[in-house]
């Protein structure tokens, strides 16, 4: 996999029209990575206590990464690299995509590491590859946090949005899997210290 460098460069952002043309063969597959990840969260993750939005987003991200390796790796024009849980997807050596959860207004949040700042400001480069326009494929939950209300690909420079391409949920059976079948992570069970103590006292 290509190593990530932290060189600061000036990158011209590809227009929305040009991006749509590049993404057309892969648009439904990228959308499937997001929608499938959320479906895996709702179908395979059983928690006995509520979790915060950050924990949920982290688990869904892991599912999206697994889907990307299964559905995108090996497609013509696509290459994937991953370092420190930061997956980057190169599309035709022109677009560099990452997955994220959106908050209101399709903005992204999270801990701003040096690598993430370079990506946000269109300044991250990969060794041996040309400068590419950085884009984010993400999802926004409905007001009840129960389902995806909107999925989209956005292009920004810092906090300034340049363009947005919406992603519809692909029809069932339209995506051909390339990699190994999805294997859900072991069921995660969270128990409080009080519950553990009560269980020990009762001998269960």
C-alpha atoms as a PDB file:
ATOM      1  CA  UNK A   1       0.000   0.000   0.000  1.00  0.00           C
ATOM      2  CA  UNK A   2       1.295   3.518  -0.717  1.00  0.00           C
ATOM      3  CA  UNK A   3       2.586   5.366   2.318  1.00  0.00           C
ATOM      4  CA  UNK A   4       0.933   8.621   3.367  1.00  0.00           C
ATOM      5  CA  UNK A   5       3.137  11.689   3.236  1.00  0.00           C
ATOM      6  CA  UNK A   6       2.453  15.015   4.881  1.00  0.00           C
ATOM      7  CA  UNK A   7       3.737  17.339   2.186  1.00  0.00           C
ATOM      8  CA  UNK A   8       1.797  20.592   1.873  1.00  0.00           C
ATOM      9  CA  UNK A   9       0.807  21.201  -1.715  1.00  0.00           C
ATOM     10  CA  UNK A  10      -1.685  23.322  -3.593  1.00  0.00           C
ATOM     11  CA  UNK A  11      -4.409  21.254  -5.224  1.00  0.00           C
ATOM     12  CA  UNK A  12      -6.928  22.496  -7.771  1.00  0.00           C
ATOM     13  CA  UNK A  13     -10.342  21.080  -6.949  1.00  0.00           C
ATOM     14  CA  UNK A  14     -12.104  19.104  -9.678  1.00  0.00           C
ATOM     15  CA  UNK A  15     -15.502  20.464 -10.687  1.00  0.00           C
ATOM     16  CA  UNK A  16     -18.731  18.711  -9.736  1.00  0.00           C
ATOM     17  CA  UNK A  17     -19.410  17.768 -13.361  1.00  0.00           C
ATOM     18  CA  UNK A  18     -15.976  16.241 -13.825  1.00  0.00           C
ATOM     19  CA  UNK A  19     -16.288  14.389 -10.519  1.00  0.00           C
ATOM     20  CA  UNK A  20     -19.663  12.938 -11.506  1.00  0.00           C
ATOM     21  CA  UNK A  21     -18.154  11.598 -14.721  1.00  0.00           C
ATOM     22  CA  UNK A  22     -15.262   9.975 -12.822  1.00  0.00           C
ATOM     23  CA  UNK A  23     -17.542   8.529 -10.144  1.00  0.00           C
ATOM     24  CA  UNK A  24     -20.307   7.207 -12.417  1.00  0.00           C
ATOM     25  CA  UNK A  25     -18.982   3.599 -12.616  1.00  0.00           C
ATOM     26  CA  UNK A  26     -18.498   3.478  -8.836  1.00  0.00           C
ATOM     27  CA  UNK A  27     -21.291   5.642  -7.460  1.00  0.00           C
ATOM     28  CA  UNK A  28     -23.679   2.852  -6.449  1.00  0.00           C
ATOM     29  CA  UNK A  29     -20.849   0.803  -4.953  1.00  0.00           C
ATOM     30  CA  UNK A  30     -19.697   3.720  -2.796  1.00  0.00           C
ATOM     31  CA  UNK A  31     -23.291   4.255  -1.692  1.00  0.00           C
ATOM     32  CA  UNK A  32     -23.561   0.564  -0.796  1.00  0.00           C
ATOM     33  CA  UNK A  33     -20.541   0.841   1.500  1.00  0.00           C
ATOM     34  CA  UNK A  34     -22.443   3.405   3.566  1.00  0.00           C
ATOM     35  CA  UNK A  35     -25.919   1.879   3.506  1.00  0.00           C
ATOM     36  CA  UNK A  36     -24.609  -1.647   4.122  1.00  0.00           C
ATOM     37  CA  UNK A  37     -22.515  -0.401   7.039  1.00  0.00           C
ATOM     38  CA  UNK A  38     -25.577   1.123   8.692  1.00  0.00           C
ATOM     39  CA  UNK A  39     -27.600  -2.045   8.024  1.00  0.00           C
ATOM     40  CA  UNK A  40     -24.854  -4.122   9.674  1.00  0.00           C
ATOM     41  CA  UNK A  41     -24.991  -1.817  12.689  1.00  0.00           C
ATOM     42  CA  UNK A  42     -28.741  -2.279  13.074  1.00  0.00           C
ATOM     43  CA  UNK A  43     -28.716  -6.021  12.285  1.00  0.00           C
ATOM     44  CA  UNK A  44     -25.546  -7.336  13.951  1.00  0.00           C
ATOM     45  CA  UNK A  45     -24.652  -5.015  16.819  1.00  0.00           C
ATOM     46  CA  UNK A  46     -26.367  -5.809  20.117  1.00  0.00           C
ATOM     47  CA  UNK A  47     -25.596  -3.487  23.018  1.00  0.00           C
ATOM     48  CA  UNK A  48     -27.235  -3.901  26.412  1.00  0.00           C
ATOM     49  CA  UNK A  49     -26.754  -0.231  27.284  1.00  0.00           C
ATOM     50  CA  UNK A  50     -27.114   2.877  25.107  1.00  0.00           C
ATOM     51  CA  UNK A  51     -23.945   4.101  23.416  1.00  0.00           C
ATOM     52  CA  UNK A  52     -23.007   7.623  22.471  1.00  0.00           C
ATOM     53  CA  UNK A  53     -22.983   8.956  18.905  1.00  0.00           C
ATOM     54  CA  UNK A  54     -19.173   8.809  18.754  1.00  0.00           C
ATOM     55  CA  UNK A  55     -19.057   5.099  19.634  1.00  0.00           C
ATOM     56  CA  UNK A  56     -21.808   4.291  17.158  1.00  0.00           C
ATOM     57  CA  UNK A  57     -20.112   6.298  14.407  1.00  0.00           C
ATOM     58  CA  UNK A  58     -16.830   4.471  15.059  1.00  0.00           C
ATOM     59  CA  UNK A  59     -18.493   1.063  14.730  1.00  0.00           C
ATOM     60  CA  UNK A  60     -20.364   2.068  11.563  1.00  0.00           C
ATOM     61  CA  UNK A  61     -17.100   3.402  10.128  1.00  0.00           C
ATOM     62  CA  UNK A  62     -15.435   0.039  10.737  1.00  0.00           C
ATOM     63  CA  UNK A  63     -18.304  -1.638   8.909  1.00  0.00           C
ATOM     64  CA  UNK A  64     -17.946   0.839   6.012  1.00  0.00           C
ATOM     65  CA  UNK A  65     -14.228   0.077   5.753  1.00  0.00           C
ATOM     66  CA  UNK A  66     -14.972  -3.661   5.650  1.00  0.00           C
ATOM     67  CA  UNK A  67     -17.533  -3.035   2.902  1.00  0.00           C
ATOM     68  CA  UNK A  68     -15.039  -0.927   0.932  1.00  0.00           C
ATOM     69  CA  UNK A  69     -12.441  -3.713   0.933  1.00  0.00           C
ATOM     70  CA  UNK A  70     -15.124  -6.154  -0.161  1.00  0.00           C
ATOM     71  CA  UNK A  71     -16.847  -4.045  -2.840  1.00  0.00           C
ATOM     72  CA  UNK A  72     -14.233  -1.566  -4.084  1.00  0.00           C
ATOM     73  CA  UNK A  73     -10.857  -3.300  -3.857  1.00  0.00           C
ATOM     74  CA  UNK A  74     -10.012  -4.759  -7.253  1.00  0.00           C
ATOM     75  CA  UNK A  75     -12.329  -2.546  -9.302  1.00  0.00           C
ATOM     76  CA  UNK A  76     -10.747  -0.924 -12.368  1.00  0.00           C
ATOM     77  CA  UNK A  77      -9.411   2.523 -11.495  1.00  0.00           C
ATOM     78  CA  UNK A  78      -9.732   1.989  -7.732  1.00  0.00           C
ATOM     79  CA  UNK A  79      -6.946   1.577  -5.172  1.00  0.00           C
ATOM     80  CA  UNK A  80      -7.264   1.442  -1.389  1.00  0.00           C
ATOM     81  CA  UNK A  81      -4.759   2.241   1.362  1.00  0.00           C
ATOM     82  CA  UNK A  82      -5.283   2.199   5.107  1.00  0.00           C
ATOM     83  CA  UNK A  83      -3.109   3.470   7.947  1.00  0.00           C
ATOM     84  CA  UNK A  84      -4.147   3.936  11.570  1.00  0.00           C
ATOM     85  CA  UNK A  85      -7.842   3.289  10.790  1.00  0.00           C
ATOM     86  CA  UNK A  86      -7.756   5.989   8.096  1.00  0.00           C
ATOM     87  CA  UNK A  87      -8.957   4.454   4.818  1.00  0.00           C
ATOM     88  CA  UNK A  88      -8.251   6.316   1.584  1.00  0.00           C
ATOM     89  CA  UNK A  89      -9.801   5.329  -1.740  1.00  0.00           C
ATOM     90  CA  UNK A  90      -8.175   6.603  -4.935  1.00  0.00           C
ATOM     91  CA  UNK A  91     -10.485   6.858  -7.947  1.00  0.00           C
ATOM     92  CA  UNK A  92      -8.754   7.061 -11.337  1.00  0.00           C
ATOM     93  CA  UNK A  93      -5.838   8.865  -9.636  1.00  0.00           C
ATOM     94  CA  UNK A  94      -8.000  11.996  -9.648  1.00  0.00           C
ATOM     95  CA  UNK A  95     -10.227  11.735  -6.573  1.00  0.00           C
ATOM     96  CA  UNK A  96      -9.165  10.705  -3.072  1.00  0.00           C
ATOM     97  CA  UNK A  97     -12.138   9.569  -0.994  1.00  0.00           C
ATOM     98  CA  UNK A  98     -12.664   8.824   2.667  1.00  0.00           C
ATOM     99  CA  UNK A  99     -15.762   7.767   4.635  1.00  0.00           C
ATOM    100  CA  UNK A 100     -17.287   9.861   7.431  1.00  0.00           C
ATOM    101  CA  UNK A 101     -20.477  10.472   9.379  1.00  0.00           C
ATOM    102  CA  UNK A 102     -21.993  13.863   8.590  1.00  0.00           C
ATOM    103  CA  UNK A 103     -23.529  16.213  11.081  1.00  0.00           C
ATOM    104  CA  UNK A 104     -26.044  18.956  10.301  1.00  0.00           C
ATOM    105  CA  UNK A 105     -25.289  20.709   7.041  1.00  0.00           C
ATOM    106  CA  UNK A 106     -23.187  17.769   5.807  1.00  0.00           C
ATOM    107  CA  UNK A 107     -20.243  18.996   7.853  1.00  0.00           C
ATOM    108  CA  UNK A 108     -17.808  16.505   9.362  1.00  0.00           C
ATOM    109  CA  UNK A 109     -16.472  16.318  12.872  1.00  0.00           C
ATOM    110  CA  UNK A 110     -13.905  14.343  14.813  1.00  0.00           C
ATOM    111  CA  UNK A 111     -10.441  14.666  16.273  1.00  0.00           C
ATOM    112  CA  UNK A 112      -8.411  16.793  13.875  1.00  0.00           C
ATOM    113  CA  UNK A 113      -5.113  14.958  13.521  1.00  0.00           C
ATOM    114  CA  UNK A 114      -2.433  16.350  11.240  1.00  0.00           C
ATOM    115  CA  UNK A 115      -3.405  13.818   8.587  1.00  0.00           C
ATOM    116  CA  UNK A 116      -7.080  14.762   8.782  1.00  0.00           C
ATOM    117  CA  UNK A 117      -6.300  18.483   8.586  1.00  0.00           C
ATOM    118  CA  UNK A 118      -4.217  17.957   5.464  1.00  0.00           C
ATOM    119  CA  UNK A 119      -7.072  15.982   3.926  1.00  0.00           C
ATOM    120  CA  UNK A 120      -9.652  18.641   4.848  1.00  0.00           C
ATOM    121  CA  UNK A 121      -7.570  21.406   3.253  1.00  0.00           C
ATOM    122  CA  UNK A 122      -6.818  19.447   0.069  1.00  0.00           C
ATOM    123  CA  UNK A 123      -3.151  19.109   0.980  1.00  0.00           C
ATOM    124  CA  UNK A 124      -2.654  15.394   1.632  1.00  0.00           C
ATOM    125  CA  UNK A 125      -0.565  13.468  -0.892  1.00  0.00           C
ATOM    126  CA  UNK A 126       0.213   9.784  -1.365  1.00  0.00           C
ATOM    127  CA  UNK A 127       3.722   8.639  -2.193  1.00  0.00           C
ATOM    128  CA  UNK A 128       4.156   7.906  -5.875  1.00  0.00           C
ATOM    129  CA  UNK A 129       0.722   9.296  -6.822  1.00  0.00           C
ATOM    130  CA  UNK A 130      -0.388  12.641  -8.285  1.00  0.00           C
ATOM    131  CA  UNK A 131      -2.218  15.310  -6.311  1.00  0.00           C
ATOM    132  CA  UNK A 132      -5.936  14.491  -6.174  1.00  0.00           C
ATOM    133  CA  UNK A 133      -9.145  16.271  -5.177  1.00  0.00           C
ATOM    134  CA  UNK A 134     -10.193  15.121  -1.722  1.00  0.00           C
ATOM    135  CA  UNK A 135     -13.809  14.069  -1.230  1.00  0.00           C
ATOM    136  CA  UNK A 136     -15.881  12.611   1.612  1.00  0.00           C
ATOM    137  CA  UNK A 137     -18.580   9.946   1.277  1.00  0.00           C
ATOM    138  CA  UNK A 138     -20.814  10.236   4.315  1.00  0.00           C
ATOM    139  CA  UNK A 139     -24.244   9.759   5.789  1.00  0.00           C
ATOM    140  CA  UNK A 140     -26.616  11.909   7.843  1.00  0.00           C
ATOM    141  CA  UNK A 141     -29.059  10.256  10.239  1.00  0.00           C
ATOM    142  CA  UNK A 142     -32.704  11.196  10.644  1.00  0.00           C
ATOM    143  CA  UNK A 143     -33.905  13.187  13.641  1.00  0.00           C
ATOM    144  CA  UNK A 144     -34.550  10.001  15.623  1.00  0.00           C
ATOM    145  CA  UNK A 145     -31.075   8.595  14.834  1.00  0.00           C
ATOM    146  CA  UNK A 146     -32.694   5.404  13.536  1.00  0.00           C
ATOM    147  CA  UNK A 147     -31.877   5.438   9.824  1.00  0.00           C
ATOM    148  CA  UNK A 148     -29.898   7.237   7.146  1.00  0.00           C
ATOM    149  CA  UNK A 149     -31.771  10.335   6.042  1.00  0.00           C
ATOM    150  CA  UNK A 150     -29.230  11.329   3.393  1.00  0.00           C
ATOM    151  CA  UNK A 151     -26.000   9.989   1.948  1.00  0.00           C
ATOM    152  CA  UNK A 152     -23.739  12.105  -0.209  1.00  0.00           C
ATOM    153  CA  UNK A 153     -20.256  12.794  -1.508  1.00  0.00           C
ATOM    154  CA  UNK A 154     -18.951  16.246  -0.662  1.00  0.00           C
ATOM    155  CA  UNK A 155     -15.915  18.239  -1.715  1.00  0.00           C
ATOM    156  CA  UNK A 156     -14.684  20.968   0.616  1.00  0.00           C
ATOM    157  CA  UNK A 157     -11.652  23.104   1.270  1.00  0.00           C
ATOM    158  CA  UNK A 158     -11.471  23.487   5.012  1.00  0.00           C
ATOM    159  CA  UNK A 159     -14.998  24.413   6.111  1.00  0.00           C
ATOM    160  CA  UNK A 160     -15.986  25.773   2.676  1.00  0.00           C
ATOM    161  CA  UNK A 161     -18.205  23.420   0.679  1.00  0.00           C
ATOM    162  CA  UNK A 162     -17.404  23.365  -3.041  1.00  0.00           C
ATOM    163  CA  UNK A 163     -19.962  20.817  -4.271  1.00  0.00           C
ATOM    164  CA  UNK A 164     -22.214  17.936  -3.212  1.00  0.00           C
ATOM    165  CA  UNK A 165     -23.353  14.767  -5.018  1.00  0.00           C
ATOM    166  CA  UNK A 166     -26.236  12.869  -3.408  1.00  0.00           C
ATOM    167  CA  UNK A 167     -26.131   9.067  -3.123  1.00  0.00           C
ATOM    168  CA  UNK A 168     -29.330   7.030  -3.301  1.00  0.00           C
ATOM    169  CA  UNK A 169     -29.630   3.593  -1.729  1.00  0.00           C
ATOM    170  CA  UNK A 170     -28.906   1.087  -4.538  1.00  0.00           C
ATOM    171  CA  UNK A 171     -31.573  -1.483  -5.354  1.00  0.00           C
ATOM    172  CA  UNK A 172     -31.030  -4.873  -3.743  1.00  0.00           C
ATOM    173  CA  UNK A 173     -28.941  -7.256  -5.835  1.00  0.00           C
ATOM    174  CA  UNK A 174     -27.385  -4.605  -8.075  1.00  0.00           C
ATOM    175  CA  UNK A 175     -23.889  -4.682  -6.537  1.00  0.00           C
ATOM    176  CA  UNK A 176     -21.454  -7.499  -7.337  1.00  0.00           C
ATOM    177  CA  UNK A 177     -19.126  -8.392  -4.458  1.00  0.00           C
ATOM    178  CA  UNK A 178     -15.426  -8.705  -5.283  1.00  0.00           C
ATOM    179  CA  UNK A 179     -13.792  -9.490  -1.960  1.00  0.00           C
ATOM    180  CA  UNK A 180     -14.629 -12.039   0.751  1.00  0.00           C
ATOM    181  CA  UNK A 181     -18.185 -12.096   2.141  1.00  0.00           C
ATOM    182  CA  UNK A 182     -18.988  -9.820   5.037  1.00  0.00           C
ATOM    183  CA  UNK A 183     -18.360 -11.337   8.441  1.00  0.00           C
ATOM    184  CA  UNK A 184     -20.034  -9.392  11.245  1.00  0.00           C
ATOM    185  CA  UNK A 185     -17.919  -8.558  14.243  1.00  0.00           C
ATOM    186  CA  UNK A 186     -18.618 -10.577  17.389  1.00  0.00           C
ATOM    187  CA  UNK A 187     -21.635  -9.274  19.274  1.00  0.00           C
ATOM    188  CA  UNK A 188     -20.543  -6.554  21.671  1.00  0.00           C
ATOM    189  CA  UNK A 189     -22.128  -6.645  25.107  1.00  0.00           C
ATOM    190  CA  UNK A 190     -21.612  -3.778  27.533  1.00  0.00           C
ATOM    191  CA  UNK A 191     -22.416  -4.350  31.230  1.00  0.00           C
ATOM    192  CA  UNK A 192     -22.135  -1.923  34.109  1.00  0.00           C
ATOM    193  CA  UNK A 193     -19.958  -2.591  37.167  1.00  0.00           C
ATOM    194  CA  UNK A 194     -23.136  -2.703  39.294  1.00  0.00           C
ATOM    195  CA  UNK A 195     -24.632  -5.414  37.084  1.00  0.00           C
ATOM    196  CA  UNK A 196     -21.420  -7.427  37.313  1.00  0.00           C
ATOM    197  CA  UNK A 197     -21.416  -7.167  41.122  1.00  0.00           C
ATOM    198  CA  UNK A 198     -25.063  -8.206  41.377  1.00  0.00           C
ATOM    199  CA  UNK A 199     -24.396 -11.139  39.046  1.00  0.00           C
ATOM    200  CA  UNK A 200     -21.484 -12.317  41.208  1.00  0.00           C
ATOM    201  CA  UNK A 201     -23.503 -12.058  44.418  1.00  0.00           C
ATOM    202  CA  UNK A 202     -26.336 -14.127  42.938  1.00  0.00           C
ATOM    203  CA  UNK A 203     -23.888 -16.746  41.688  1.00  0.00           C
ATOM    204  CA  UNK A 204     -24.900 -16.332  38.016  1.00  0.00           C
END
